[in-house]
Amino acid sequence: MSAILTSLRNTVIAGTVLAIVLLLYFKSASGTPYGDAFWQYLFRYLHIVSGVMWIGLLWYFNFVQIPNMSKIPDEQKPAIGKVIAPAALFWFRWGAMSTLITGLILAFLNGYLVDALLLGSQTGVARNIGIGMWLAIIMWFNVWFVIWPNQKKALGIVQVEPDVKAKAARMAMLFSRTNTVLSIPMLLAMAAQQHLG
């Protein structure tokens, strides 16, 4: 068991294998074929997993890392900036990408992609999820085209002058906080689709 739990790779593989076994059990117990409902379920699951990674890291940055950076002694800050933050930002941006892609696929499979993107103007059914989708698209854009480019400068991945580095760090923080603001109503809108129609 320790060979599984001491390796992140093995831990993720074990979790994935258990999830597949559980999925096969669910399918055999329900007796339903692998049709549209299965693919909708599978992409909803992948969308949720991706979203947990993305929003979990967004909240880690904003509730843990940023508020506590001033408490870390200067000689220890390179460990955050050179090791932890780049790794977290990798999973953060790819979690955002995966959340966006699986969400769009899910909306397509459920038949409301266009109506949601038009904020329910065709039928009104997809207004709530559409609001959530647009908030998520704005957040995804911020991750890939504002936060990440500025974090590369702030972390020294891209070499810039000290004043540019400071401005980039502030810009990344402000847009990260913007995404935190947007994440709260975005999640509300996503849940509203299922429960508030």
N, C-alpha and C. Protein backbone atom coordinates (compact mmCIF):
# COMPACT_ATOMS: atom_id res chain seq x y z
N MET A 1 0.82 -1.19 0.00
CA MET A 1 0.00 0.00 0.00
C MET A 1 0.86 1.26 0.00
N SER A 2 2.01 1.21 0.69
CA SER A 2 2.84 2.41 0.73
C SER A 2 3.44 2.72 -0.65
N ALA A 3 3.62 1.69 -1.49
CA ALA A 3 4.11 1.93 -2.85
C ALA A 3 3.10 2.76 -3.65
N ILE A 4 1.84 2.61 -3.34
CA ILE A 4 0.80 3.39 -4.01
C ILE A 4 0.77 4.80 -3.44
N LEU A 5 0.77 4.91 -2.13
CA LEU A 5 0.55 6.20 -1.48
C LEU A 5 1.78 7.10 -1.41
N THR A 6 2.96 6.54 -1.59
CA THR A 6 4.16 7.39 -1.56
C THR A 6 4.50 7.97 -2.93
N SER A 7 3.78 7.56 -3.95
CA SER A 7 3.99 8.08 -5.30
C SER A 7 2.70 8.73 -5.78
N LEU A 8 2.75 10.00 -6.14
CA LEU A 8 1.55 10.68 -6.64
C LEU A 8 1.03 9.98 -7.89
N ARG A 9 1.94 9.60 -8.78
CA ARG A 9 1.55 8.90 -10.01
C ARG A 9 0.76 7.64 -9.68
N ASN A 10 1.29 6.82 -8.77
CA ASN A 10 0.61 5.58 -8.39
C ASN A 10 -0.71 5.86 -7.67
N THR A 11 -0.76 6.92 -6.88
CA THR A 11 -1.98 7.29 -6.19
C THR A 11 -3.07 7.65 -7.20
N VAL A 12 -2.71 8.46 -8.20
CA VAL A 12 -3.68 8.86 -9.23
C VAL A 12 -4.12 7.65 -10.05
N ILE A 13 -3.19 6.78 -10.39
CA ILE A 13 -3.55 5.56 -11.13
C ILE A 13 -4.51 4.71 -10.31
N ALA A 14 -4.22 4.53 -9.02
CA ALA A 14 -5.09 3.72 -8.16
C ALA A 14 -6.49 4.34 -8.07
N GLY A 15 -6.56 5.65 -7.92
CA GLY A 15 -7.85 6.32 -7.87
C GLY A 15 -8.62 6.17 -9.17
N THR A 16 -7.91 6.27 -10.29
CA THR A 16 -8.54 6.12 -11.60
C THR A 16 -9.06 4.70 -11.81
N VAL A 17 -8.26 3.71 -11.42
CA VAL A 17 -8.69 2.31 -11.53
C VAL A 17 -9.93 2.07 -10.68
N LEU A 18 -9.94 2.59 -9.45
CA LEU A 18 -11.11 2.42 -8.58
C LEU A 18 -12.33 3.11 -9.19
N ALA A 19 -12.14 4.29 -9.78
CA ALA A 19 -13.25 5.00 -10.41
C ALA A 19 -13.79 4.19 -11.60
N ILE A 20 -12.91 3.60 -12.40
CA ILE A 20 -13.34 2.79 -13.55
C ILE A 20 -14.11 1.56 -13.07
N VAL A 21 -13.62 0.91 -12.03
CA VAL A 21 -14.32 -0.25 -11.48
C VAL A 21 -15.71 0.15 -10.99
N LEU A 22 -15.78 1.29 -10.30
CA LEU A 22 -17.06 1.78 -9.81
C LEU A 22 -17.99 2.15 -10.96
N LEU A 23 -17.44 2.76 -11.99
CA LEU A 23 -18.23 3.12 -13.17
C LEU A 23 -18.79 1.87 -13.83
N LEU A 24 -17.97 0.84 -13.98
CA LEU A 24 -18.44 -0.42 -14.58
C LEU A 24 -19.51 -1.06 -13.71
N TYR A 25 -19.36 -0.98 -12.40
CA TYR A 25 -20.38 -1.50 -11.48
C TYR A 25 -21.69 -0.73 -11.66
N PHE A 26 -21.61 0.60 -11.69
CA PHE A 26 -22.82 1.42 -11.89
C PHE A 26 -23.52 1.04 -13.18
N LYS A 27 -22.74 0.88 -14.25
CA LYS A 27 -23.32 0.55 -15.55
C LYS A 27 -23.97 -0.83 -15.52
N SER A 28 -23.30 -1.82 -14.94
CA SER A 28 -23.87 -3.17 -14.92
C SER A 28 -25.09 -3.23 -14.01
N ALA A 29 -25.09 -2.49 -12.91
CA ALA A 29 -26.23 -2.49 -12.00
C ALA A 29 -27.44 -1.80 -12.62
N SER A 30 -27.21 -0.78 -13.44
CA SER A 30 -28.33 -0.05 -14.06
C SER A 30 -28.87 -0.79 -15.28
N GLY A 31 -28.01 -1.54 -15.95
CA GLY A 31 -28.42 -2.27 -17.14
C GLY A 31 -28.69 -1.40 -18.36
N THR A 32 -28.33 -0.13 -18.28
CA THR A 32 -28.57 0.76 -19.43
C THR A 32 -27.39 0.68 -20.39
N PRO A 33 -27.67 0.86 -21.68
CA PRO A 33 -26.58 0.80 -22.67
C PRO A 33 -25.69 2.04 -22.60
N TYR A 34 -24.55 1.95 -23.27
CA TYR A 34 -23.61 3.07 -23.33
C TYR A 34 -24.08 4.06 -24.40
N GLY A 35 -25.14 4.77 -24.10
CA GLY A 35 -25.69 5.73 -25.05
C GLY A 35 -25.38 7.16 -24.64
N ASP A 36 -26.26 8.06 -25.08
CA ASP A 36 -26.05 9.49 -24.81
C ASP A 36 -25.95 9.80 -23.32
N ALA A 37 -26.79 9.16 -22.52
CA ALA A 37 -26.79 9.43 -21.08
C ALA A 37 -25.44 9.09 -20.45
N PHE A 38 -24.83 8.01 -20.93
CA PHE A 38 -23.52 7.63 -20.40
C PHE A 38 -22.47 8.71 -20.70
N TRP A 39 -22.45 9.19 -21.96
CA TRP A 39 -21.45 10.19 -22.34
C TRP A 39 -21.70 11.51 -21.62
N GLN A 40 -22.96 11.87 -21.41
CA GLN A 40 -23.28 13.06 -20.64
C GLN A 40 -22.76 12.93 -19.21
N TYR A 41 -22.98 11.75 -18.63
CA TYR A 41 -22.50 11.49 -17.28
C TYR A 41 -20.97 11.54 -17.23
N LEU A 42 -20.33 10.88 -18.18
CA LEU A 42 -18.87 10.83 -18.17
C LEU A 42 -18.27 12.23 -18.30
N PHE A 43 -18.78 13.04 -19.21
CA PHE A 43 -18.24 14.39 -19.37
C PHE A 43 -18.61 15.31 -18.21
N ARG A 44 -19.75 15.06 -17.57
CA ARG A 44 -20.07 15.83 -16.35
C ARG A 44 -19.04 15.50 -15.26
N TYR A 45 -18.73 14.22 -15.13
CA TYR A 45 -17.73 13.81 -14.14
C TYR A 45 -16.37 14.45 -14.44
N LEU A 46 -15.91 14.37 -15.70
CA LEU A 46 -14.63 14.96 -16.08
C LEU A 46 -14.64 16.48 -15.89
N HIS A 47 -15.78 17.11 -16.15
CA HIS A 47 -15.93 18.55 -15.96
C HIS A 47 -15.80 18.91 -14.47
N ILE A 48 -16.43 18.12 -13.62
CA ILE A 48 -16.35 18.37 -12.17
C ILE A 48 -14.93 18.16 -11.67
N VAL A 49 -14.28 17.08 -12.08
CA VAL A 49 -12.90 16.81 -11.65
C VAL A 49 -11.98 17.95 -12.09
N SER A 50 -12.12 18.37 -13.34
CA SER A 50 -11.30 19.47 -13.85
C SER A 50 -11.57 20.76 -13.08
N GLY A 51 -12.85 21.03 -12.83
CA GLY A 51 -13.23 22.23 -12.10
C GLY A 51 -12.71 22.25 -10.68
N VAL A 52 -12.71 21.10 -10.03
CA VAL A 52 -12.15 21.02 -8.67
C VAL A 52 -10.67 21.37 -8.70
N MET A 53 -9.95 20.85 -9.70
CA MET A 53 -8.52 21.18 -9.82
C MET A 53 -8.34 22.68 -10.03
N TRP A 54 -9.09 23.25 -10.97
CA TRP A 54 -8.94 24.66 -11.32
C TRP A 54 -9.33 25.58 -10.16
N ILE A 55 -10.55 25.44 -9.68
CA ILE A 55 -11.03 26.36 -8.64
C ILE A 55 -10.34 26.07 -7.32
N GLY A 56 -9.99 24.83 -7.08
CA GLY A 56 -9.24 24.50 -5.86
C GLY A 56 -7.90 25.23 -5.83
N LEU A 57 -7.20 25.23 -6.95
CA LEU A 57 -5.92 25.94 -7.01
C LEU A 57 -6.12 27.46 -6.99
N LEU A 58 -7.16 27.95 -7.65
CA LEU A 58 -7.46 29.39 -7.58
C LEU A 58 -7.66 29.81 -6.13
N TRP A 59 -8.41 29.03 -5.39
CA TRP A 59 -8.67 29.38 -3.99
C TRP A 59 -7.42 29.15 -3.14
N TYR A 60 -6.60 28.15 -3.47
CA TYR A 60 -5.33 27.98 -2.76
C TYR A 60 -4.47 29.24 -2.92
N PHE A 61 -4.34 29.72 -4.15
CA PHE A 61 -3.55 30.93 -4.37
C PHE A 61 -4.09 32.10 -3.55
N ASN A 62 -5.40 32.29 -3.57
CA ASN A 62 -6.00 33.48 -2.98
C ASN A 62 -6.27 33.38 -1.49
N PHE A 63 -6.51 32.18 -0.98
CA PHE A 63 -6.79 32.03 0.45
C PHE A 63 -5.56 31.61 1.24
N VAL A 64 -4.55 31.04 0.59
CA VAL A 64 -3.38 30.52 1.31
C VAL A 64 -2.09 31.20 0.87
N GLN A 65 -1.71 31.04 -0.40
CA GLN A 65 -0.39 31.49 -0.82
C GLN A 65 -0.22 33.01 -0.77
N ILE A 66 -1.07 33.74 -1.47
CA ILE A 66 -0.90 35.20 -1.54
C ILE A 66 -0.96 35.85 -0.16
N PRO A 67 -1.95 35.52 0.70
CA PRO A 67 -2.01 36.18 2.00
C PRO A 67 -0.83 35.85 2.92
N ASN A 68 -0.17 34.72 2.67
CA ASN A 68 0.90 34.31 3.58
C ASN A 68 2.31 34.57 3.05
N MET A 69 2.45 35.06 1.84
CA MET A 69 3.78 35.31 1.28
C MET A 69 4.57 36.31 2.14
N SER A 70 3.91 37.32 2.68
CA SER A 70 4.63 38.32 3.49
C SER A 70 5.14 37.73 4.80
N LYS A 71 4.62 36.60 5.23
CA LYS A 71 5.05 35.95 6.47
C LYS A 71 6.25 35.02 6.27
N ILE A 72 6.58 34.75 5.01
CA ILE A 72 7.68 33.83 4.71
C ILE A 72 8.98 34.62 4.67
N PRO A 73 10.00 34.15 5.38
CA PRO A 73 11.30 34.85 5.35
C PRO A 73 11.83 34.91 3.91
N ASP A 74 12.51 36.01 3.59
CA ASP A 74 13.00 36.24 2.23
C ASP A 74 13.85 35.10 1.70
N GLU A 75 14.66 34.49 2.56
CA GLU A 75 15.54 33.42 2.08
C GLU A 75 14.77 32.15 1.71
N GLN A 76 13.51 32.03 2.18
CA GLN A 76 12.69 30.86 1.84
C GLN A 76 11.75 31.10 0.66
N LYS A 77 11.56 32.36 0.28
CA LYS A 77 10.63 32.68 -0.81
C LYS A 77 11.00 32.05 -2.15
N PRO A 78 12.28 31.87 -2.48
CA PRO A 78 12.59 31.21 -3.75
C PRO A 78 11.99 29.81 -3.88
N ALA A 79 11.81 29.10 -2.76
CA ALA A 79 11.19 27.78 -2.82
C ALA A 79 9.76 27.87 -3.35
N ILE A 80 9.06 28.92 -2.95
CA ILE A 80 7.70 29.13 -3.45
C ILE A 80 7.75 29.54 -4.92
N GLY A 81 8.54 30.57 -5.21
CA GLY A 81 8.58 31.15 -6.55
C GLY A 81 9.21 30.27 -7.61
N LYS A 82 10.14 29.43 -7.24
CA LYS A 82 10.85 28.61 -8.22
C LYS A 82 10.34 27.16 -8.30
N VAL A 83 9.67 26.70 -7.25
CA VAL A 83 9.26 25.29 -7.22
C VAL A 83 7.74 25.15 -7.12
N ILE A 84 7.16 25.66 -6.04
CA ILE A 84 5.74 25.41 -5.77
C ILE A 84 4.83 26.17 -6.73
N ALA A 85 5.04 27.47 -6.88
CA ALA A 85 4.15 28.28 -7.73
C ALA A 85 4.17 27.81 -9.19
N PRO A 86 5.33 27.55 -9.81
CA PRO A 86 5.27 27.07 -11.20
C PRO A 86 4.52 25.75 -11.36
N ALA A 87 4.70 24.83 -10.40
CA ALA A 87 3.98 23.55 -10.47
C ALA A 87 2.48 23.78 -10.29
N ALA A 88 2.11 24.60 -9.32
CA ALA A 88 0.69 24.89 -9.09
C ALA A 88 0.08 25.59 -10.29
N LEU A 89 0.82 26.52 -10.90
CA LEU A 89 0.32 27.24 -12.07
C LEU A 89 0.15 26.33 -13.28
N PHE A 90 1.00 25.30 -13.40
CA PHE A 90 0.83 24.33 -14.48
C PHE A 90 -0.54 23.65 -14.37
N TRP A 91 -0.83 23.09 -13.19
CA TRP A 91 -2.10 22.40 -12.97
C TRP A 91 -3.27 23.38 -13.01
N PHE A 92 -3.05 24.59 -12.55
CA PHE A 92 -4.07 25.65 -12.55
C PHE A 92 -4.52 25.97 -13.98
N ARG A 93 -3.57 26.24 -14.86
CA ARG A 93 -3.97 26.63 -16.22
C ARG A 93 -4.52 25.45 -17.02
N TRP A 94 -3.95 24.25 -16.83
CA TRP A 94 -4.49 23.11 -17.56
C TRP A 94 -5.80 22.62 -16.96
N GLY A 95 -6.00 22.84 -15.66
CA GLY A 95 -7.31 22.58 -15.06
C GLY A 95 -8.36 23.50 -15.66
N ALA A 96 -7.98 24.77 -15.88
CA ALA A 96 -8.89 25.73 -16.53
C ALA A 96 -9.23 25.27 -17.94
N MET A 97 -8.23 24.87 -18.69
CA MET A 97 -8.45 24.42 -20.07
C MET A 97 -9.35 23.19 -20.11
N SER A 98 -9.06 22.23 -19.26
CA SER A 98 -9.85 21.00 -19.23
C SER A 98 -11.29 21.28 -18.79
N THR A 99 -11.46 22.18 -17.83
CA THR A 99 -12.80 22.54 -17.38
C THR A 99 -13.59 23.18 -18.51
N LEU A 100 -12.97 24.08 -19.23
CA LEU A 100 -13.64 24.74 -20.34
C LEU A 100 -14.03 23.74 -21.43
N ILE A 101 -13.08 22.90 -21.84
CA ILE A 101 -13.34 21.95 -22.93
C ILE A 101 -14.42 20.93 -22.53
N THR A 102 -14.28 20.35 -21.35
CA THR A 102 -15.29 19.35 -20.94
C THR A 102 -16.65 20.01 -20.73
N GLY A 103 -16.67 21.25 -20.28
CA GLY A 103 -17.94 21.96 -20.11
C GLY A 103 -18.63 22.23 -21.43
N LEU A 104 -17.86 22.64 -22.44
CA LEU A 104 -18.44 22.88 -23.76
C LEU A 104 -18.94 21.57 -24.38
N ILE A 105 -18.16 20.50 -24.21
CA ILE A 105 -18.60 19.19 -24.72
C ILE A 105 -19.88 18.76 -24.00
N LEU A 106 -19.93 18.93 -22.69
CA LEU A 106 -21.11 18.56 -21.91
C LEU A 106 -22.33 19.35 -22.38
N ALA A 107 -22.17 20.65 -22.59
CA ALA A 107 -23.29 21.48 -23.06
C ALA A 107 -23.75 21.01 -24.43
N PHE A 108 -22.81 20.65 -25.29
CA PHE A 108 -23.16 20.12 -26.63
C PHE A 108 -23.94 18.81 -26.50
N LEU A 109 -23.42 17.89 -25.68
CA LEU A 109 -24.08 16.59 -25.52
C LEU A 109 -25.48 16.72 -24.94
N ASN A 110 -25.67 17.73 -24.09
CA ASN A 110 -26.98 17.96 -23.49
C ASN A 110 -27.90 18.79 -24.38
N GLY A 111 -27.37 19.28 -25.50
CA GLY A 111 -28.18 19.99 -26.46
C GLY A 111 -28.46 21.45 -26.17
N TYR A 112 -27.70 22.05 -25.25
CA TYR A 112 -27.97 23.45 -24.94
C TYR A 112 -26.76 24.37 -25.16
N LEU A 113 -25.75 23.93 -25.88
CA LEU A 113 -24.54 24.73 -26.06
C LEU A 113 -24.86 26.10 -26.66
N VAL A 114 -25.52 26.13 -27.80
CA VAL A 114 -25.79 27.41 -28.47
C VAL A 114 -26.73 28.26 -27.63
N ASP A 115 -27.79 27.64 -27.10
CA ASP A 115 -28.74 28.40 -26.28
C ASP A 115 -28.06 28.98 -25.04
N ALA A 116 -27.16 28.22 -24.44
CA ALA A 116 -26.44 28.72 -23.26
C ALA A 116 -25.53 29.88 -23.63
N LEU A 117 -24.80 29.74 -24.72
CA LEU A 117 -23.91 30.82 -25.13
C LEU A 117 -24.68 32.08 -25.53
N LEU A 118 -25.94 31.90 -25.94
CA LEU A 118 -26.81 33.03 -26.26
C LEU A 118 -27.63 33.46 -25.04
N LEU A 119 -27.26 32.92 -23.87
CA LEU A 119 -27.90 33.23 -22.58
C LEU A 119 -29.40 32.94 -22.59
N GLY A 120 -29.75 31.82 -23.22
CA GLY A 120 -31.13 31.37 -23.21
C GLY A 120 -32.06 32.17 -24.07
N SER A 121 -31.54 32.94 -24.99
CA SER A 121 -32.41 33.79 -25.81
C SER A 121 -33.26 32.99 -26.79
N GLN A 122 -32.90 31.73 -27.05
CA GLN A 122 -33.71 30.91 -27.95
C GLN A 122 -34.88 30.27 -27.21
N THR A 123 -34.60 29.67 -26.06
CA THR A 123 -35.66 28.98 -25.31
C THR A 123 -35.78 29.46 -23.87
N GLY A 124 -34.76 30.10 -23.35
CA GLY A 124 -34.77 30.52 -21.94
C GLY A 124 -34.33 29.42 -21.00
N VAL A 125 -34.27 28.18 -21.49
CA VAL A 125 -33.93 27.04 -20.64
C VAL A 125 -32.49 27.13 -20.14
N ALA A 126 -31.60 27.60 -20.98
CA ALA A 126 -30.17 27.55 -20.67
C ALA A 126 -29.62 28.88 -20.16
N ARG A 127 -30.47 29.77 -19.70
CA ARG A 127 -30.00 31.07 -19.21
C ARG A 127 -29.03 30.93 -18.03
N ASN A 128 -29.42 30.16 -17.03
CA ASN A 128 -28.59 30.04 -15.83
C ASN A 128 -27.21 29.45 -16.14
N ILE A 129 -27.21 28.34 -16.85
CA ILE A 129 -25.93 27.71 -17.18
C ILE A 129 -25.14 28.59 -18.13
N GLY A 130 -25.83 29.33 -18.98
CA GLY A 130 -25.15 30.25 -19.90
C GLY A 130 -24.41 31.34 -19.15
N ILE A 131 -25.03 31.90 -18.13
CA ILE A 131 -24.35 32.91 -17.30
C ILE A 131 -23.09 32.30 -16.69
N GLY A 132 -23.24 31.08 -16.14
CA GLY A 132 -22.08 30.40 -15.57
C GLY A 132 -21.01 30.12 -16.60
N MET A 133 -21.42 29.73 -17.80
CA MET A 133 -20.45 29.45 -18.86
C MET A 133 -19.69 30.71 -19.25
N TRP A 134 -20.39 31.83 -19.39
CA TRP A 134 -19.70 33.06 -19.76
C TRP A 134 -18.75 33.53 -18.67
N LEU A 135 -19.15 33.39 -17.41
CA LEU A 135 -18.23 33.73 -16.32
C LEU A 135 -16.99 32.83 -16.37
N ALA A 136 -17.19 31.54 -16.63
CA ALA A 136 -16.07 30.60 -16.72
C ALA A 136 -15.18 30.92 -17.92
N ILE A 137 -15.77 31.31 -19.04
CA ILE A 137 -14.97 31.66 -20.22
C ILE A 137 -14.12 32.90 -19.92
N ILE A 138 -14.69 33.89 -19.25
CA ILE A 138 -13.92 35.08 -18.86
C ILE A 138 -12.77 34.66 -17.93
N MET A 139 -13.07 33.80 -16.97
CA MET A 139 -12.04 33.34 -16.04
C MET A 139 -10.95 32.57 -16.77
N TRP A 140 -11.33 31.69 -17.71
CA TRP A 140 -10.35 30.93 -18.49
C TRP A 140 -9.46 31.89 -19.26
N PHE A 141 -10.06 32.89 -19.90
CA PHE A 141 -9.30 33.89 -20.65
C PHE A 141 -8.29 34.58 -19.72
N ASN A 142 -8.74 34.97 -18.54
CA ASN A 142 -7.84 35.62 -17.57
C ASN A 142 -6.66 34.72 -17.21
N VAL A 143 -6.93 33.44 -17.02
CA VAL A 143 -5.86 32.49 -16.66
C VAL A 143 -4.81 32.44 -17.76
N TRP A 144 -5.26 32.21 -18.99
CA TRP A 144 -4.32 31.96 -20.08
C TRP A 144 -3.69 33.22 -20.66
N PHE A 145 -4.41 34.33 -20.64
CA PHE A 145 -3.92 35.51 -21.36
C PHE A 145 -3.56 36.70 -20.48
N VAL A 146 -3.82 36.59 -19.17
CA VAL A 146 -3.42 37.66 -18.26
C VAL A 146 -2.60 37.10 -17.10
N ILE A 147 -3.15 36.17 -16.35
CA ILE A 147 -2.46 35.66 -15.14
C ILE A 147 -1.17 34.94 -15.52
N TRP A 148 -1.25 33.95 -16.40
CA TRP A 148 -0.07 33.16 -16.73
C TRP A 148 1.04 34.01 -17.37
N PRO A 149 0.78 34.84 -18.36
CA PRO A 149 1.86 35.67 -18.91
C PRO A 149 2.51 36.58 -17.86
N ASN A 150 1.71 37.12 -16.96
CA ASN A 150 2.26 37.97 -15.91
C ASN A 150 2.99 37.17 -14.84
N GLN A 151 2.50 35.98 -14.54
CA GLN A 151 3.19 35.13 -13.56
C GLN A 151 4.56 34.69 -14.09
N LYS A 152 4.67 34.45 -15.38
CA LYS A 152 5.98 34.09 -15.93
C LYS A 152 6.99 35.19 -15.67
N LYS A 153 6.57 36.43 -15.78
CA LYS A 153 7.46 37.57 -15.48
C LYS A 153 7.71 37.66 -13.99
N ALA A 154 6.67 37.54 -13.19
CA ALA A 154 6.80 37.69 -11.74
C ALA A 154 7.68 36.60 -11.13
N LEU A 155 7.63 35.40 -11.68
CA LEU A 155 8.40 34.28 -11.14
C LEU A 155 9.80 34.18 -11.75
N GLY A 156 10.10 35.02 -12.73
CA GLY A 156 11.42 34.98 -13.35
C GLY A 156 11.56 33.93 -14.43
N ILE A 157 10.46 33.32 -14.85
CA ILE A 157 10.51 32.36 -15.95
C ILE A 157 10.87 33.11 -17.23
N VAL A 158 10.32 34.32 -17.34
CA VAL A 158 10.68 35.26 -18.39
C VAL A 158 11.43 36.40 -17.70
N GLN A 159 12.63 36.68 -18.14
CA GLN A 159 13.44 37.71 -17.50
C GLN A 159 12.98 39.11 -17.92
N VAL A 160 12.71 39.94 -16.90
CA VAL A 160 12.31 41.32 -17.13
C VAL A 160 12.95 42.20 -16.06
N GLU A 161 12.87 43.50 -16.26
CA GLU A 161 13.40 44.45 -15.29
C GLU A 161 12.61 44.35 -13.99
N PRO A 162 13.22 44.71 -12.84
CA PRO A 162 12.55 44.61 -11.55
C PRO A 162 11.21 45.36 -11.48
N ASP A 163 11.13 46.54 -12.08
CA ASP A 163 9.86 47.28 -12.03
C ASP A 163 8.78 46.58 -12.85
N VAL A 164 9.15 45.99 -13.98
CA VAL A 164 8.20 45.23 -14.81
C VAL A 164 7.76 43.97 -14.05
N LYS A 165 8.69 43.34 -13.36
CA LYS A 165 8.39 42.15 -12.57
C LYS A 165 7.38 42.48 -11.47
N ALA A 166 7.58 43.59 -10.78
CA ALA A 166 6.65 44.00 -9.72
C ALA A 166 5.26 44.31 -10.28
N LYS A 167 5.21 45.00 -11.42
CA LYS A 167 3.93 45.32 -12.05
C LYS A 167 3.22 44.03 -12.51
N ALA A 168 3.99 43.09 -13.04
CA ALA A 168 3.42 41.82 -13.50
C ALA A 168 2.85 41.03 -12.32
N ALA A 169 3.57 41.02 -11.19
CA ALA A 169 3.09 40.31 -10.00
C ALA A 169 1.77 40.91 -9.53
N ARG A 170 1.69 42.23 -9.52
CA ARG A 170 0.45 42.90 -9.11
C ARG A 170 -0.68 42.59 -10.08
N MET A 171 -0.42 42.65 -11.37
CA MET A 171 -1.44 42.36 -12.38
C MET A 171 -1.95 40.92 -12.23
N ALA A 172 -1.03 39.97 -12.06
CA ALA A 172 -1.43 38.57 -11.88
C ALA A 172 -2.30 38.42 -10.63
N MET A 173 -1.90 39.08 -9.55
CA MET A 173 -2.68 39.00 -8.31
C MET A 173 -4.07 39.60 -8.49
N LEU A 174 -4.16 40.76 -9.13
CA LEU A 174 -5.46 41.42 -9.31
C LEU A 174 -6.40 40.58 -10.18
N PHE A 175 -5.86 39.97 -11.22
CA PHE A 175 -6.72 39.14 -12.07
C PHE A 175 -7.05 37.81 -11.41
N SER A 176 -6.15 37.32 -10.57
CA SER A 176 -6.46 36.13 -9.78
C SER A 176 -7.59 36.43 -8.80
N ARG A 177 -7.54 37.61 -8.19
CA ARG A 177 -8.63 38.03 -7.30
C ARG A 177 -9.92 38.25 -8.10
N THR A 178 -9.80 38.78 -9.31
CA THR A 178 -10.98 38.94 -10.17
C THR A 178 -11.62 37.58 -10.42
N ASN A 179 -10.80 36.58 -10.72
CA ASN A 179 -11.33 35.23 -10.94
C ASN A 179 -11.95 34.66 -9.67
N THR A 180 -11.40 35.00 -8.51
CA THR A 180 -12.00 34.55 -7.26
C THR A 180 -13.38 35.17 -7.09
N VAL A 181 -13.49 36.46 -7.38
CA VAL A 181 -14.80 37.13 -7.33
C VAL A 181 -15.77 36.42 -8.28
N LEU A 182 -15.35 36.18 -9.52
CA LEU A 182 -16.23 35.58 -10.53
C LEU A 182 -16.56 34.11 -10.22
N SER A 183 -15.66 33.41 -9.52
CA SER A 183 -15.88 31.99 -9.25
C SER A 183 -17.11 31.75 -8.37
N ILE A 184 -17.40 32.67 -7.49
CA ILE A 184 -18.52 32.47 -6.56
C ILE A 184 -19.87 32.52 -7.31
N PRO A 185 -20.16 33.57 -8.11
CA PRO A 185 -21.41 33.53 -8.87
C PRO A 185 -21.38 32.50 -10.00
N MET A 186 -20.20 32.19 -10.53
CA MET A 186 -20.12 31.17 -11.58
C MET A 186 -20.60 29.82 -11.04
N LEU A 187 -20.13 29.44 -9.87
CA LEU A 187 -20.55 28.18 -9.28
C LEU A 187 -22.03 28.20 -8.94
N LEU A 188 -22.53 29.34 -8.48
CA LEU A 188 -23.95 29.50 -8.20
C LEU A 188 -24.77 29.27 -9.48
N ALA A 189 -24.34 29.87 -10.59
CA ALA A 189 -25.06 29.73 -11.86
C ALA A 189 -25.02 28.28 -12.35
N MET A 190 -23.89 27.62 -12.18
CA MET A 190 -23.78 26.22 -12.61
C MET A 190 -24.75 25.34 -11.82
N ALA A 191 -24.82 25.54 -10.51
CA ALA A 191 -25.74 24.75 -9.69
C ALA A 191 -27.19 25.13 -9.96
N ALA A 192 -27.44 26.41 -10.29
CA ALA A 192 -28.80 26.88 -10.53
C ALA A 192 -29.44 26.17 -11.71
N GLN A 193 -28.65 25.82 -12.72
CA GLN A 193 -29.20 25.16 -13.90
C GLN A 193 -29.93 23.88 -13.52
N GLN A 194 -29.31 23.11 -12.65
CA GLN A 194 -29.88 21.82 -12.27
C GLN A 194 -31.06 21.98 -11.30
N HIS A 195 -30.96 22.96 -10.40
CA HIS A 195 -31.93 23.01 -9.30
C HIS A 195 -32.94 24.15 -9.39
N LEU A 196 -32.63 25.21 -10.14
CA LEU A 196 -33.55 26.34 -10.23
C LEU A 196 -34.10 26.53 -11.64
N GLY A 197 -33.79 25.56 -12.52
CA GLY A 197 -34.33 25.60 -13.88
C GLY A 197 -33.79 26.60 -14.71
